[in-house]
Amino acid sequence: MPLVVGIDSDQVRIGLAGSLDGTGSMPYLLGDFMDCPFPPVSFDLITSIATLHHMPADSALTRMPELLKPGGTLAIIGLARSGIIGLPFELARAIATRLHTHRKGCWNHPSPIVWPPPLSYRQMRHIAAVRLPGVQYRRHVLWRYSLWWTKPARSCCELDALGGCFGARAAALSMRCRSSAPKRVARGPRPRRCGRW
């Protein structure tokens, strides 16, 4: 069975994720994936949900492909802000957010909040195109965008030369990552913001 690893620099989120894992088979690491010593080309799939705007996007989109195996997939749901040109889309998103909040209610999540997102849709799309050639970029409502990218495949010899799999190093990495990463977002009172992270 494939090994799935979760990592976050926020203690509250890691604790919540661990409490919701009924099997206890998935390791949750407290740390920053930018600094955690994962072996190169060690993951078949990397996902990031509403996280990229909490870190330097250019550096993160450089690091993720380094950790991904050839032929592996990177899937990201991120948040961005609109520029003047995107005002019509912003209006549509505002209406969608109102309807979503009216139907579903407001979710007060325990995660740190960064709002507004530091990068615009145009900036994010440019960075993704440079760091992830051939990436599929889509813009969504609720201030979201998505990135879907498959790393070009390499030969078995090239893969062996770059390093082995993640495998049994999860426990060791947990100890090394636990206290290595500083908080990127200050904790404090969290306002009621619907659909924002």
Protein backbone atom coordinates (compact mmCIF):
# COMPACT_ATOMS: atom_id res chain seq x y z
CA MET A 1 0.00 0.00 0.00
CA PRO A 2 1.43 3.43 -0.92
CA LEU A 3 2.73 5.60 1.92
CA VAL A 4 0.88 8.91 2.32
CA VAL A 5 2.57 11.71 4.27
CA GLY A 6 0.97 14.91 5.55
CA ILE A 7 3.04 17.95 6.56
CA ASP A 8 2.08 21.35 7.96
CA SER A 9 3.85 23.99 10.04
CA ASP A 10 0.70 24.68 12.09
CA GLN A 11 0.39 22.56 15.24
CA VAL A 12 -3.41 22.91 15.40
CA ARG A 13 -3.92 21.61 11.86
CA ILE A 14 -1.55 18.68 12.34
CA GLY A 15 -3.28 17.71 15.57
CA LEU A 16 -6.71 17.93 13.95
CA ALA A 17 -5.60 15.86 10.95
CA GLY A 18 -4.18 13.17 13.22
CA SER A 19 -7.35 13.01 15.27
CA LEU A 20 -9.46 12.49 12.14
CA ASP A 21 -7.27 9.64 10.86
CA GLY A 22 -9.05 6.55 12.14
CA THR A 23 -6.41 4.11 10.88
CA GLY A 24 -3.37 5.83 12.36
CA SER A 25 -1.31 4.56 9.42
CA MET A 26 -0.55 7.98 7.93
CA PRO A 27 2.38 10.00 9.34
CA TYR A 28 1.70 13.70 9.97
CA LEU A 29 4.84 15.82 10.18
CA LEU A 30 5.03 19.16 11.97
CA GLY A 31 7.33 21.29 9.86
CA ASP A 32 7.86 23.22 6.65
CA PHE A 33 8.14 21.13 3.49
CA MET A 34 10.53 23.75 2.10
CA ASP A 35 13.10 22.82 4.77
CA CYS A 36 12.20 19.22 5.63
CA PRO A 37 14.87 16.86 4.22
CA PHE A 38 12.67 14.72 2.00
CA PRO A 39 14.75 12.70 -0.49
CA PRO A 40 14.58 14.02 -4.06
CA VAL A 41 12.19 12.36 -6.53
CA SER A 42 10.45 10.51 -3.69
CA PHE A 43 6.73 11.19 -4.27
CA ASP A 44 4.32 9.98 -6.94
CA LEU A 45 1.75 12.65 -6.08
CA ILE A 46 2.00 16.02 -4.32
CA THR A 47 -1.12 17.98 -3.42
CA SER A 48 -1.53 21.44 -1.93
CA ILE A 49 -4.90 22.87 -0.92
CA ALA A 50 -5.22 26.59 -0.04
CA THR A 51 -1.59 26.64 1.09
CA LEU A 52 0.57 28.15 -1.63
CA HIS A 53 -0.31 31.76 -0.73
CA HIS A 54 1.17 31.17 2.75
CA MET A 55 4.68 30.80 1.27
CA PRO A 56 6.85 32.22 -1.53
CA ALA A 57 5.12 30.72 -4.56
CA ASP A 58 8.19 30.81 -6.80
CA SER A 59 10.31 28.91 -4.27
CA ALA A 60 7.51 26.42 -3.52
CA LEU A 61 6.96 25.64 -7.19
CA THR A 62 10.68 25.04 -7.53
CA ARG A 63 10.80 22.70 -4.54
CA MET A 64 7.74 20.59 -5.40
CA PRO A 65 9.02 19.33 -8.78
CA GLU A 66 12.32 18.39 -7.11
CA LEU A 67 10.44 16.06 -4.75
CA LEU A 68 8.23 14.58 -7.47
CA LYS A 69 9.17 11.38 -9.27
CA PRO A 70 9.35 11.46 -13.08
CA GLY A 71 5.84 10.83 -14.35
CA GLY A 72 4.40 11.99 -11.01
CA THR A 73 1.59 14.52 -10.64
CA LEU A 74 1.36 17.86 -8.88
CA ALA A 75 -2.17 19.06 -8.02
CA ILE A 76 -2.75 22.47 -6.43
CA ILE A 77 -5.81 24.47 -5.41
CA GLY A 78 -4.68 27.98 -4.54
CA LEU A 79 -5.99 31.45 -3.80
CA ALA A 80 -5.18 34.65 -5.67
CA ARG A 81 -6.51 38.17 -6.02
CA SER A 82 -7.79 39.98 -9.08
CA GLY A 83 -6.36 43.03 -10.76
CA ILE A 84 -8.34 45.80 -12.42
CA ILE A 85 -8.80 43.71 -15.56
CA GLY A 86 -10.37 40.95 -13.47
CA LEU A 87 -13.11 43.07 -11.89
CA PRO A 88 -15.94 41.34 -13.82
CA PHE A 89 -14.67 37.96 -12.54
CA GLU A 90 -14.40 39.43 -9.06
CA LEU A 91 -18.05 40.47 -9.18
CA ALA A 92 -19.07 36.97 -10.29
CA ARG A 93 -17.00 35.47 -7.45
CA ALA A 94 -18.57 37.82 -4.91
CA ILE A 95 -22.05 36.71 -5.97
CA ALA A 96 -21.00 33.04 -5.87
CA THR A 97 -19.53 33.52 -2.39
CA ARG A 98 -22.77 35.09 -1.13
CA LEU A 99 -24.83 32.23 -2.52
CA HIS A 100 -22.43 29.63 -1.15
CA THR A 101 -22.47 31.20 2.32
CA HIS A 102 -26.26 31.49 2.27
CA ARG A 103 -26.66 27.79 1.43
CA LYS A 104 -23.77 26.23 3.36
CA GLY A 105 -23.15 28.69 6.18
CA CYS A 106 -19.83 30.19 7.27
CA TRP A 107 -17.03 27.78 8.17
CA ASN A 108 -14.75 29.07 10.94
CA HIS A 109 -11.67 26.94 10.33
CA PRO A 110 -8.79 26.90 12.83
CA SER A 111 -6.06 27.64 10.27
CA PRO A 112 -3.98 30.82 10.07
CA ILE A 113 -5.42 33.33 7.59
CA VAL A 114 -3.57 35.31 4.92
CA TRP A 115 -5.90 37.77 3.21
CA PRO A 116 -5.78 39.19 0.63
CA PRO A 117 -3.54 36.70 -1.19
CA PRO A 118 -0.16 38.27 -2.00
CA LEU A 119 -0.22 37.42 -5.73
CA SER A 120 -2.73 38.15 -8.46
CA TYR A 121 -4.10 35.53 -10.85
CA ARG A 122 -1.86 36.89 -13.62
CA GLN A 123 1.26 36.71 -11.44
CA MET A 124 0.44 33.21 -10.27
CA ARG A 125 -0.19 31.99 -13.79
CA HIS A 126 3.14 33.44 -14.95
CA ILE A 127 5.12 31.80 -12.12
CA ALA A 128 3.43 28.46 -12.74
CA ALA A 129 4.15 28.62 -16.48
CA VAL A 130 7.85 29.30 -15.81
CA ARG A 131 8.34 26.69 -13.09
CA LEU A 132 5.98 24.03 -14.45
CA PRO A 133 6.23 23.96 -18.27
CA GLY A 134 3.00 22.66 -19.77
CA VAL A 135 1.01 23.15 -16.56
CA GLN A 136 -2.80 23.20 -16.80
CA TYR A 137 -4.01 26.39 -15.17
CA ARG A 138 -7.68 27.12 -14.51
CA ARG A 139 -9.37 30.01 -12.78
CA HIS A 140 -12.34 29.32 -10.50
CA VAL A 141 -14.88 31.14 -8.37
CA LEU A 142 -14.39 31.74 -4.62
CA TRP A 143 -10.94 33.28 -5.38
CA ARG A 144 -9.56 29.89 -6.42
CA TYR A 145 -7.33 28.66 -9.20
CA SER A 146 -6.03 25.16 -9.93
CA LEU A 147 -2.74 23.83 -11.24
CA TRP A 148 -2.32 20.33 -12.65
CA TRP A 149 1.11 19.23 -13.82
CA THR A 150 2.80 15.95 -14.68
CA LYS A 151 6.56 15.77 -14.40
CA PRO A 152 8.24 14.54 -17.60
CA ALA A 153 9.20 10.87 -17.37
CA ARG A 154 12.83 9.77 -17.20
CA SER A 155 14.58 6.49 -17.75
CA CYS A 156 15.01 3.99 -14.91
CA CYS A 157 18.76 4.65 -14.85
CA GLU A 158 18.23 8.39 -14.36
CA LEU A 159 15.69 7.71 -11.61
CA ASP A 160 18.09 5.37 -9.77
CA ALA A 161 20.87 7.96 -10.00
CA LEU A 162 18.72 10.64 -8.41
CA GLY A 163 17.86 8.61 -5.31
CA GLY A 164 15.54 6.03 -3.86
CA CYS A 165 11.99 6.16 -2.57
CA PHE A 166 10.69 7.81 0.56
CA GLY A 167 9.84 4.48 2.17
CA ALA A 168 10.93 3.87 5.74
CA ARG A 169 12.39 7.35 6.34
CA ALA A 170 9.06 8.75 7.57
CA ALA A 171 9.84 8.25 11.26
CA ALA A 172 13.28 9.84 11.00
CA LEU A 173 11.90 12.76 9.02
CA SER A 174 9.21 13.30 11.63
CA MET A 175 11.87 13.90 14.28
CA ARG A 176 13.94 16.16 12.04
CA CYS A 177 11.01 18.24 10.80
CA ARG A 178 9.17 18.61 14.09
CA SER A 179 10.85 21.81 15.22
CA SER A 180 12.76 22.98 12.15
CA ALA A 181 10.30 25.39 10.55
CA PRO A 182 9.32 28.83 11.87
CA LYS A 183 5.71 29.91 11.63
CA ARG A 184 5.07 31.84 8.45
CA VAL A 185 1.79 33.32 9.67
CA ALA A 186 1.24 34.89 13.07
CA ARG A 187 -1.49 33.29 15.12
CA GLY A 188 -4.17 35.46 16.68
CA PRO A 189 -7.89 36.15 16.75
CA ARG A 190 -9.45 34.92 13.55
CA PRO A 191 -12.19 37.04 11.98
CA ARG A 192 -15.22 35.44 10.39
CA ARG A 193 -14.25 35.19 6.75
CA CYS A 194 -16.21 32.84 4.63
CA GLY A 195 -14.31 30.79 2.08
CA ARG A 196 -10.93 32.41 2.81
CA TRP A 197 -7.66 30.90 4.03
